[in-house]
Amino acid sequence: MRTVTAVGHRGDPYRVRENTLPSLRSAVERGADAVEIDVRLTRDRVPVLLHDATLKRLWGHDRPLAELTYERVRELTRDGVPTLREALDALDALGAHRVMIDLPGATRESVRTVVGTVRECGAAERAYYCAGPVTMLAVRTADPTAEIALTWTSLAPPRPALIDAVRPRTLNYRFGLISRQLTDRVHRDGMLVSAWTADTRRTMRRLIGAGVDSITTNRVHTLSSLLRAPDSSGARPS
């Protein structure tokens, strides 16, 4: 029987500012099986946790990350933006064995840097990567053994040549695209199905009923509670 993995989207962002160490800690403490983080590089090529290209939304500074050194980022955010290394170490200390690394705005060079950092931290066995085809092809080149969740935004299946090149373990869909027909098809093709980003109980239940393997959510406590409820259709299968 399949078990649905609860993934905390950028940590636990409805309670604690996203992509920060306290947010990751909160997600794990509130039931996340895995935590999704976004990684970008500073001007001096330090991988840090940030989804947006600038510090404006989260930190109030309309400054592009790519133009800032890591030390300057630390100053502007009062050490609020952790490095990838700090995040991996913190999750390891918390006993969180899975981390989903999203790579917005990635280049081949930045992918190599991130993958190299994951290896240096001894986290290659517990990390997996998600993004679109171009970025995942770069990950596959950088690490032939990496686990990949290929983000796919169409109901049409990926072309066989792309699947052969990327070799994803998972296809990662926006939750509105998910149906039983889709999950059955992907499972027949030998892959798992993950859904993002589901935040209501109704949507979570629908996804569980459709047979997904993983759900990424901003409300990980809600999802975790639903999955562990003995009378829920989303209870952990035995």
Foldseek 3Di string as FASTA:
>chain_A
DFAAFEEEEQAQCVVDPGQFLVSVLNLVVLFHLEYEFEWDAALVGFIWTDDDQACCPRQNDRGGRNDHDPVVVCVSRVNGIGTPLVNVVSCVVSVRQAYEYEYPPDDLVSLLSVVVSCVVSVNQVRYAYEDAQVSLLSNCVNPVPGAYAHEDEDLDDDDPVSCVRNVHQHHEYALVSAALVSQVVVVVVRHAYEYDEDEDPVSLLRNVVSPHNYYYYSHSSVNSCQCCPPPHSNDGDD
